[in-house]
Amino acid sequence: MKEIDLQLQMPGGTADAVLFTPDTPQPLPGVLHIPDIGSVRDTHRKMARRLAQEGYVVLMPNTFYRTSRPPVFTFERKPGDPRVAERMKELLAPLTPQAQEQDFAAYIDFLASQPSVQSNKLGAVGYCIGGGFALRTSAVRPEKVRAVASFHGGGLYKANDPASPHLVLPRVKAQLYFGHADQDQSMTAEDITHFEAALKAWGGNYQSETYHGARHGWTVPDSPAYNEPEAERAYKKLTESFKAALA
């Protein structure tokens, strides 16, 4: 496994990223691995590396490069800490829908350009805020992105918000998978109901399910909400979904 740290030239500056390439002679499908609000760190390196071992070239970018290089948090993220909320605002402020679309198009184009990648077989997986980013990725490059997965994606449906990720669905052609937590204030049961109605109206190939007994962040090992049995079930869903769409 080759693991290369990169500096990508982006529309808004330079982004740290990591490219994971399995030791295999033939080109492989590519996957954009989008971390949560904590961005690139050891836990997500391990997650991306594990996915690459399934037979994918995986690119993990620091999506918050406009604000900070990793680590984007220099203190422990504790629930209820006002410093966490303030830092999240700083990280997210530059990421307007237009900036997101520019960035995620650039990430996908870079991944598709790699000689080790089958450029017509690409996927994206996002965690937390990355769930919405992954969905938007499939909208800006619908001819390239065949599969998207989101786990405890926050704010996928925002009523009366022109920046809500669900509004990009008409541009999406990918197979979609959404794993929600049943204890998640960033994506409540009411939000999920509205989001699933939007998915139904979209009419594409999708699956949306709620993991019971799960809290926001349950798939990420360094999260206080980590739930290993449900995280493993989510990982199985991820690999099954990508295998079906990217074979």
C-alpha atoms as a PDB file:
ATOM      1  CA  MET A   1       0.000   0.000   0.000  1.00  0.00           C
ATOM      2  CA  LYS A   2       1.389   3.388  -1.021  1.00  0.00           C
ATOM      3  CA  GLU A   3       0.322   6.297   1.197  1.00  0.00           C
ATOM      4  CA  ILE A   4       1.399   9.660  -0.170  1.00  0.00           C
ATOM      5  CA  ASP A   5       0.839  13.045   1.452  1.00  0.00           C
ATOM      6  CA  LEU A   6       0.051  15.684  -1.151  1.00  0.00           C
ATOM      7  CA  GLN A   7      -0.375  19.417  -1.567  1.00  0.00           C
ATOM      8  CA  LEU A   8      -3.166  19.995  -4.099  1.00  0.00           C
ATOM      9  CA  GLN A   9      -3.523  23.317  -5.887  1.00  0.00           C
ATOM     10  CA  MET A  10      -7.151  24.281  -5.416  1.00  0.00           C
ATOM     11  CA  PRO A  11      -9.453  27.169  -6.399  1.00  0.00           C
ATOM     12  CA  GLY A  12      -9.042  28.707  -2.936  1.00  0.00           C
ATOM     13  CA  GLY A  13      -5.434  27.850  -2.138  1.00  0.00           C
ATOM     14  CA  THR A  14      -3.488  24.684  -1.330  1.00  0.00           C
ATOM     15  CA  ALA A  15      -5.111  21.646   0.260  1.00  0.00           C
ATOM     16  CA  ASP A  16      -3.379  18.904   2.204  1.00  0.00           C
ATOM     17  CA  ALA A  17      -4.513  15.477   1.009  1.00  0.00           C
ATOM     18  CA  VAL A  18      -3.518  11.843   1.265  1.00  0.00           C
ATOM     19  CA  LEU A  19      -3.588   9.356  -1.614  1.00  0.00           C
ATOM     20  CA  PHE A  20      -3.827   5.645  -0.786  1.00  0.00           C
ATOM     21  CA  THR A  21      -2.923   3.285  -3.639  1.00  0.00           C
ATOM     22  CA  PRO A  22      -3.002  -0.518  -3.241  1.00  0.00           C
ATOM     23  CA  ASP A  23      -0.069  -2.493  -4.573  1.00  0.00           C
ATOM     24  CA  THR A  24      -1.681  -3.841  -7.735  1.00  0.00           C
ATOM     25  CA  PRO A  25      -0.669  -3.606 -11.411  1.00  0.00           C
ATOM     26  CA  GLN A  26      -4.065  -2.744 -12.877  1.00  0.00           C
ATOM     27  CA  PRO A  27      -6.045   0.509 -12.621  1.00  0.00           C
ATOM     28  CA  LEU A  28      -8.676   0.453  -9.879  1.00  0.00           C
ATOM     29  CA  PRO A  29     -11.876   2.353  -9.112  1.00  0.00           C
ATOM     30  CA  GLY A  30     -11.268   5.574  -7.190  1.00  0.00           C
ATOM     31  CA  VAL A  31     -12.981   6.840  -4.045  1.00  0.00           C
ATOM     32  CA  LEU A  32     -13.034  10.291  -2.483  1.00  0.00           C
ATOM     33  CA  HIS A  33     -13.016   9.818   1.309  1.00  0.00           C
ATOM     34  CA  ILE A  34     -14.398  12.963   2.966  1.00  0.00           C
ATOM     35  CA  PRO A  35     -13.724  13.187   6.715  1.00  0.00           C
ATOM     36  CA  ASP A  36     -15.917  14.770   9.363  1.00  0.00           C
ATOM     37  CA  ILE A  37     -15.389  18.235  10.874  1.00  0.00           C
ATOM     38  CA  GLY A  38     -12.089  17.062  12.406  1.00  0.00           C
ATOM     39  CA  SER A  39     -10.680  16.581   8.898  1.00  0.00           C
ATOM     40  CA  VAL A  40      -7.484  14.643   8.130  1.00  0.00           C
ATOM     41  CA  ARG A  41      -6.127  12.801  11.182  1.00  0.00           C
ATOM     42  CA  ASP A  42      -4.977   9.343  12.241  1.00  0.00           C
ATOM     43  CA  THR A  43      -8.458   7.854  12.681  1.00  0.00           C
ATOM     44  CA  HIS A  44      -9.562   8.823   9.193  1.00  0.00           C
ATOM     45  CA  ARG A  45      -6.249   7.719   7.727  1.00  0.00           C
ATOM     46  CA  LYS A  46      -6.963   4.256   9.122  1.00  0.00           C
ATOM     47  CA  MET A  47     -10.514   4.327   7.764  1.00  0.00           C
ATOM     48  CA  ALA A  48      -9.352   5.412   4.303  1.00  0.00           C
ATOM     49  CA  ARG A  49      -6.537   2.862   4.327  1.00  0.00           C
ATOM     50  CA  ARG A  50      -8.961   0.090   5.192  1.00  0.00           C
ATOM     51  CA  LEU A  51     -11.221   1.046   2.305  1.00  0.00           C
ATOM     52  CA  ALA A  52      -8.269   1.171  -0.089  1.00  0.00           C
ATOM     53  CA  GLN A  53      -7.419  -2.391   0.894  1.00  0.00           C
ATOM     54  CA  GLU A  54     -10.775  -3.420  -0.583  1.00  0.00           C
ATOM     55  CA  GLY A  55      -9.375  -2.547  -4.013  1.00  0.00           C
ATOM     56  CA  TYR A  56      -9.783   1.226  -4.414  1.00  0.00           C
ATOM     57  CA  VAL A  57      -7.466   4.171  -4.895  1.00  0.00           C
ATOM     58  CA  VAL A  58      -8.610   6.537  -2.141  1.00  0.00           C
ATOM     59  CA  LEU A  59      -8.086  10.287  -1.952  1.00  0.00           C
ATOM     60  CA  MET A  60      -8.688  11.982   1.405  1.00  0.00           C
ATOM     61  CA  PRO A  61      -8.517  15.804   1.306  1.00  0.00           C
ATOM     62  CA  ASN A  62      -8.551  18.442   4.000  1.00  0.00           C
ATOM     63  CA  THR A  63     -11.818  20.066   2.935  1.00  0.00           C
ATOM     64  CA  PHE A  64     -11.202  23.006   5.284  1.00  0.00           C
ATOM     65  CA  TYR A  65      -7.967  24.142   3.638  1.00  0.00           C
ATOM     66  CA  ARG A  66      -9.290  27.674   3.195  1.00  0.00           C
ATOM     67  CA  THR A  67      -9.177  28.066   6.988  1.00  0.00           C
ATOM     68  CA  SER A  68      -6.517  25.708   8.309  1.00  0.00           C
ATOM     69  CA  ARG A  69      -4.017  22.977   7.634  1.00  0.00           C
ATOM     70  CA  PRO A  70      -4.394  19.785   9.710  1.00  0.00           C
ATOM     71  CA  PRO A  71      -4.898  19.497  12.558  1.00  0.00           C
ATOM     72  CA  VAL A  72      -7.888  21.787  12.169  1.00  0.00           C
ATOM     73  CA  PHE A  73      -8.621  21.437  15.898  1.00  0.00           C
ATOM     74  CA  THR A  74      -5.740  22.082  18.267  1.00  0.00           C
ATOM     75  CA  PHE A  75      -7.811  21.170  21.333  1.00  0.00           C
ATOM     76  CA  GLU A  76     -10.025  18.240  22.283  1.00  0.00           C
ATOM     77  CA  ARG A  77     -13.502  18.405  20.789  1.00  0.00           C
ATOM     78  CA  LYS A  78     -15.824  18.057  23.764  1.00  0.00           C
ATOM     79  CA  PRO A  79     -19.617  18.245  23.385  1.00  0.00           C
ATOM     80  CA  GLY A  80     -20.938  21.541  24.691  1.00  0.00           C
ATOM     81  CA  ASP A  81     -17.579  23.314  24.576  1.00  0.00           C
ATOM     82  CA  PRO A  82     -18.247  26.765  23.080  1.00  0.00           C
ATOM     83  CA  ARG A  83     -14.789  26.711  21.510  1.00  0.00           C
ATOM     84  CA  VAL A  84     -15.883  23.768  19.357  1.00  0.00           C
ATOM     85  CA  ALA A  85     -18.916  25.613  18.012  1.00  0.00           C
ATOM     86  CA  GLU A  86     -16.839  28.703  17.277  1.00  0.00           C
ATOM     87  CA  ARG A  87     -14.169  26.697  15.492  1.00  0.00           C
ATOM     88  CA  MET A  88     -16.784  24.880  13.413  1.00  0.00           C
ATOM     89  CA  LYS A  89     -18.133  28.242  12.262  1.00  0.00           C
ATOM     90  CA  GLU A  90     -14.627  29.304  11.236  1.00  0.00           C
ATOM     91  CA  LEU A  91     -14.052  26.095   9.281  1.00  0.00           C
ATOM     92  CA  LEU A  92     -17.405  26.134   7.504  1.00  0.00           C
ATOM     93  CA  ALA A  93     -17.718  29.862   6.776  1.00  0.00           C
ATOM     94  CA  PRO A  94     -15.751  29.856   3.470  1.00  0.00           C
ATOM     95  CA  LEU A  95     -17.519  26.739   2.173  1.00  0.00           C
ATOM     96  CA  THR A  96     -20.378  28.312   0.290  1.00  0.00           C
ATOM     97  CA  PRO A  97     -22.199  26.022  -2.155  1.00  0.00           C
ATOM     98  CA  GLN A  98     -20.193  27.587  -4.983  1.00  0.00           C
ATOM     99  CA  ALA A  99     -16.886  26.986  -3.179  1.00  0.00           C
ATOM    100  CA  GLN A 100     -17.895  23.410  -2.401  1.00  0.00           C
ATOM    101  CA  GLU A 101     -18.720  22.702  -6.029  1.00  0.00           C
ATOM    102  CA  GLN A 102     -15.409  24.146  -7.211  1.00  0.00           C
ATOM    103  CA  ASP A 103     -13.465  22.147  -4.634  1.00  0.00           C
ATOM    104  CA  PHE A 104     -15.159  18.809  -5.071  1.00  0.00           C
ATOM    105  CA  ALA A 105     -14.979  19.025  -8.844  1.00  0.00           C
ATOM    106  CA  ALA A 106     -11.229  19.604  -8.455  1.00  0.00           C
ATOM    107  CA  TYR A 107     -10.802  16.654  -6.074  1.00  0.00           C
ATOM    108  CA  ILE A 108     -12.665  14.335  -8.434  1.00  0.00           C
ATOM    109  CA  ASP A 109     -10.747  15.572 -11.465  1.00  0.00           C
ATOM    110  CA  PHE A 110      -7.445  14.996  -9.669  1.00  0.00           C
ATOM    111  CA  LEU A 111      -8.475  11.478  -8.634  1.00  0.00           C
ATOM    112  CA  ALA A 112      -9.688  10.647 -12.141  1.00  0.00           C
ATOM    113  CA  SER A 113      -6.378  11.842 -13.614  1.00  0.00           C
ATOM    114  CA  GLN A 114      -4.292   9.295 -11.704  1.00  0.00           C
ATOM    115  CA  PRO A 115      -2.877   6.489 -13.901  1.00  0.00           C
ATOM    116  CA  SER A 116      -3.801   3.998 -11.169  1.00  0.00           C
ATOM    117  CA  VAL A 117      -7.506   4.966 -11.343  1.00  0.00           C
ATOM    118  CA  GLN A 118     -10.327   3.851 -13.612  1.00  0.00           C
ATOM    119  CA  SER A 119     -11.632   7.339 -14.287  1.00  0.00           C
ATOM    120  CA  ASN A 120     -15.154   6.167 -15.166  1.00  0.00           C
ATOM    121  CA  LYS A 121     -15.566   4.277 -11.884  1.00  0.00           C
ATOM    122  CA  LEU A 122     -15.497   6.773  -9.034  1.00  0.00           C
ATOM    123  CA  GLY A 123     -17.264   6.988  -5.691  1.00  0.00           C
ATOM    124  CA  ALA A 124     -17.446   9.328  -2.706  1.00  0.00           C
ATOM    125  CA  VAL A 125     -18.050   8.607   0.966  1.00  0.00           C
ATOM    126  CA  GLY A 126     -18.592  11.295   3.576  1.00  0.00           C
ATOM    127  CA  TYR A 127     -18.921  11.394   7.346  1.00  0.00           C
ATOM    128  CA  CYS A 128     -20.780  14.044   9.364  1.00  0.00           C
ATOM    129  CA  ILE A 129     -20.591  17.281   7.347  1.00  0.00           C
ATOM    130  CA  GLY A 130     -18.851  15.202   4.693  1.00  0.00           C
ATOM    131  CA  GLY A 131     -22.125  13.424   3.900  1.00  0.00           C
ATOM    132  CA  GLY A 132     -23.527  16.544   2.286  1.00  0.00           C
ATOM    133  CA  PHE A 133     -20.187  17.179   0.601  1.00  0.00           C
ATOM    134  CA  ALA A 134     -20.255  13.683  -0.902  1.00  0.00           C
ATOM    135  CA  LEU A 135     -23.761  14.226  -2.266  1.00  0.00           C
ATOM    136  CA  ARG A 136     -22.711  17.538  -3.817  1.00  0.00           C
ATOM    137  CA  THR A 137     -19.658  15.826  -5.336  1.00  0.00           C
ATOM    138  CA  SER A 138     -21.914  13.519  -7.311  1.00  0.00           C
ATOM    139  CA  ALA A 139     -23.900  16.519  -8.559  1.00  0.00           C
ATOM    140  CA  VAL A 140     -20.887  18.421  -9.911  1.00  0.00           C
ATOM    141  CA  ARG A 141     -19.375  15.410 -11.671  1.00  0.00           C
ATOM    142  CA  PRO A 142     -22.403  13.188 -12.443  1.00  0.00           C
ATOM    143  CA  GLU A 143     -20.683  11.619 -15.452  1.00  0.00           C
ATOM    144  CA  LYS A 144     -17.820  10.356 -13.264  1.00  0.00           C
ATOM    145  CA  VAL A 145     -19.244   9.628  -9.797  1.00  0.00           C
ATOM    146  CA  ARG A 146     -21.204   6.378  -9.788  1.00  0.00           C
ATOM    147  CA  ALA A 147     -21.650   5.785  -6.052  1.00  0.00           C
ATOM    148  CA  VAL A 148     -22.069   7.909  -2.925  1.00  0.00           C
ATOM    149  CA  ALA A 149     -22.329   6.885   0.725  1.00  0.00           C
ATOM    150  CA  SER A 150     -23.037   9.110   3.715  1.00  0.00           C
ATOM    151  CA  PHE A 151     -22.835   8.165   7.384  1.00  0.00           C
ATOM    152  CA  HIS A 152     -24.434  10.350  10.063  1.00  0.00           C
ATOM    153  CA  GLY A 153     -24.507  13.103   7.475  1.00  0.00           C
ATOM    154  CA  GLY A 154     -25.515  16.325   9.200  1.00  0.00           C
ATOM    155  CA  GLY A 155     -27.886  18.829   7.635  1.00  0.00           C
ATOM    156  CA  LEU A 156     -28.678  16.826   4.507  1.00  0.00           C
ATOM    157  CA  TYR A 157     -32.127  18.427   4.572  1.00  0.00           C
ATOM    158  CA  LYS A 158     -32.516  22.041   5.667  1.00  0.00           C
ATOM    159  CA  ALA A 159     -35.979  23.521   5.216  1.00  0.00           C
ATOM    160  CA  ASN A 160     -36.094  26.854   3.393  1.00  0.00           C
ATOM    161  CA  ASP A 161     -32.327  26.929   2.956  1.00  0.00           C
ATOM    162  CA  PRO A 162     -31.071  27.437  -0.618  1.00  0.00           C
ATOM    163  CA  ALA A 163     -27.782  25.798   0.408  1.00  0.00           C
ATOM    164  CA  SER A 164     -29.416  22.540   1.584  1.00  0.00           C
ATOM    165  CA  PRO A 165     -27.595  19.530   0.078  1.00  0.00           C
ATOM    166  CA  HIS A 166     -30.840  17.768  -0.888  1.00  0.00           C
ATOM    167  CA  LEU A 167     -31.479  20.424  -3.532  1.00  0.00           C
ATOM    168  CA  VAL A 168     -28.688  19.033  -5.740  1.00  0.00           C
ATOM    169  CA  LEU A 169     -30.504  15.706  -6.211  1.00  0.00           C
ATOM    170  CA  PRO A 170     -31.895  16.532  -9.685  1.00  0.00           C
ATOM    171  CA  ARG A 171     -28.297  16.671 -10.979  1.00  0.00           C
ATOM    172  CA  VAL A 172     -27.270  13.355  -9.416  1.00  0.00           C
ATOM    173  CA  LYS A 173     -26.942  10.096 -11.370  1.00  0.00           C
ATOM    174  CA  ALA A 174     -25.031   8.036  -8.795  1.00  0.00           C
ATOM    175  CA  GLN A 175     -26.248   5.169  -6.628  1.00  0.00           C
ATOM    176  CA  LEU A 176     -26.797   6.627  -3.151  1.00  0.00           C
ATOM    177  CA  TYR A 177     -26.605   5.147   0.353  1.00  0.00           C
ATOM    178  CA  PHE A 178     -27.437   7.071   3.541  1.00  0.00           C
ATOM    179  CA  GLY A 179     -26.907   5.744   7.041  1.00  0.00           C
ATOM    180  CA  HIS A 180     -28.552   7.948   9.673  1.00  0.00           C
ATOM    181  CA  ALA A 181     -28.304   7.865  13.468  1.00  0.00           C
ATOM    182  CA  ASP A 182     -31.546   7.803  15.424  1.00  0.00           C
ATOM    183  CA  GLN A 183     -29.975  10.085  18.055  1.00  0.00           C
ATOM    184  CA  ASP A 184     -28.668  12.954  15.962  1.00  0.00           C
ATOM    185  CA  GLN A 185     -29.744  16.559  16.376  1.00  0.00           C
ATOM    186  CA  SER A 186     -27.962  17.485  13.136  1.00  0.00           C
ATOM    187  CA  MET A 187     -30.354  15.202  11.239  1.00  0.00           C
ATOM    188  CA  THR A 188     -33.543  14.623  13.228  1.00  0.00           C
ATOM    189  CA  ALA A 189     -36.264  12.073  12.521  1.00  0.00           C
ATOM    190  CA  GLU A 190     -38.320  14.853  10.929  1.00  0.00           C
ATOM    191  CA  ASP A 191     -35.368  15.868   8.762  1.00  0.00           C
ATOM    192  CA  ILE A 192     -34.900  12.258   7.679  1.00  0.00           C
ATOM    193  CA  THR A 193     -38.564  11.995   6.714  1.00  0.00           C
ATOM    194  CA  HIS A 194     -38.319  15.103   4.534  1.00  0.00           C
ATOM    195  CA  PHE A 195     -35.017  13.951   3.067  1.00  0.00           C
ATOM    196  CA  GLU A 196     -36.400  10.541   2.153  1.00  0.00           C
ATOM    197  CA  ALA A 197     -39.380  12.228   0.487  1.00  0.00           C
ATOM    198  CA  ALA A 198     -36.905  14.211  -1.622  1.00  0.00           C
ATOM    199  CA  LEU A 199     -35.036  11.003  -2.504  1.00  0.00           C
ATOM    200  CA  LYS A 200     -38.288   9.360  -3.568  1.00  0.00           C
ATOM    201  CA  ALA A 201     -39.197  12.339  -5.736  1.00  0.00           C
ATOM    202  CA  TRP A 202     -35.699  12.216  -7.273  1.00  0.00           C
ATOM    203  CA  GLY A 203     -36.419   8.661  -8.411  1.00  0.00           C
ATOM    204  CA  GLY A 204     -32.870   7.329  -8.647  1.00  0.00           C
ATOM    205  CA  ASN A 205     -31.219   4.288  -7.072  1.00  0.00           C
ATOM    206  CA  TYR A 206     -30.888   4.871  -3.342  1.00  0.00           C
ATOM    207  CA  GLN A 207     -31.103   3.342   0.107  1.00  0.00           C
ATOM    208  CA  SER A 208     -31.700   5.342   3.286  1.00  0.00           C
ATOM    209  CA  GLU A 209     -31.793   3.682   6.672  1.00  0.00           C
ATOM    210  CA  THR A 210     -31.615   4.656  10.317  1.00  0.00           C
ATOM    211  CA  TYR A 211     -29.274   2.880  12.723  1.00  0.00           C
ATOM    212  CA  HIS A 212     -31.060   2.424  16.032  1.00  0.00           C
ATOM    213  CA  GLY A 213     -29.158   3.088  19.218  1.00  0.00           C
ATOM    214  CA  ALA A 214     -26.645   5.116  17.228  1.00  0.00           C
ATOM    215  CA  ARG A 215     -25.495   8.664  17.915  1.00  0.00           C
ATOM    216  CA  HIS A 216     -23.923  11.223  15.634  1.00  0.00           C
ATOM    217  CA  GLY A 217     -20.405  10.033  14.843  1.00  0.00           C
ATOM    218  CA  TRP A 218     -20.987   6.359  15.577  1.00  0.00           C
ATOM    219  CA  THR A 219     -18.770   5.105  12.726  1.00  0.00           C
ATOM    220  CA  VAL A 220     -15.615   7.043  13.639  1.00  0.00           C
ATOM    221  CA  PRO A 221     -13.343   5.311  16.181  1.00  0.00           C
ATOM    222  CA  ASP A 222     -12.083   8.476  17.885  1.00  0.00           C
ATOM    223  CA  SER A 223     -15.649   9.793  18.429  1.00  0.00           C
ATOM    224  CA  PRO A 224     -17.255   9.493  21.902  1.00  0.00           C
ATOM    225  CA  ALA A 225     -20.291   8.093  20.052  1.00  0.00           C
ATOM    226  CA  TYR A 226     -18.334   5.250  18.407  1.00  0.00           C
ATOM    227  CA  ASN A 227     -20.377   2.053  18.323  1.00  0.00           C
ATOM    228  CA  GLU A 228     -18.210  -0.750  16.984  1.00  0.00           C
ATOM    229  CA  PRO A 229     -20.934  -3.304  16.068  1.00  0.00           C
ATOM    230  CA  GLU A 230     -22.991  -0.687  14.234  1.00  0.00           C
ATOM    231  CA  ALA A 231     -19.841   0.804  12.686  1.00  0.00           C
ATOM    232  CA  GLU A 232     -18.942  -2.599  11.279  1.00  0.00           C
ATOM    233  CA  ARG A 233     -22.468  -2.980   9.899  1.00  0.00           C
ATOM    234  CA  ALA A 234     -22.097   0.427   8.277  1.00  0.00           C
ATOM    235  CA  TYR A 235     -18.740  -0.549   6.781  1.00  0.00           C
ATOM    236  CA  LYS A 236     -20.288  -3.687   5.299  1.00  0.00           C
ATOM    237  CA  LYS A 237     -23.024  -1.559   3.741  1.00  0.00           C
ATOM    238  CA  LEU A 238     -20.392   0.796   2.330  1.00  0.00           C
ATOM    239  CA  THR A 239     -18.337  -1.948   0.722  1.00  0.00           C
ATOM    240  CA  GLU A 240     -21.409  -3.754  -0.622  1.00  0.00           C
ATOM    241  CA  SER A 241     -22.756  -0.559  -2.142  1.00  0.00           C
ATOM    242  CA  PHE A 242     -19.466   0.395  -3.759  1.00  0.00           C
ATOM    243  CA  LYS A 243     -18.835  -3.119  -5.042  1.00  0.00           C
ATOM    244  CA  ALA A 244     -22.236  -3.132  -6.761  1.00  0.00           C
ATOM    245  CA  ALA A 245     -21.807   0.300  -8.346  1.00  0.00           C
ATOM    246  CA  LEU A 246     -18.096   0.313  -9.172  1.00  0.00           C
ATOM    247  CA  ALA A 247     -17.496  -3.259 -10.323  1.00  0.00           C
END
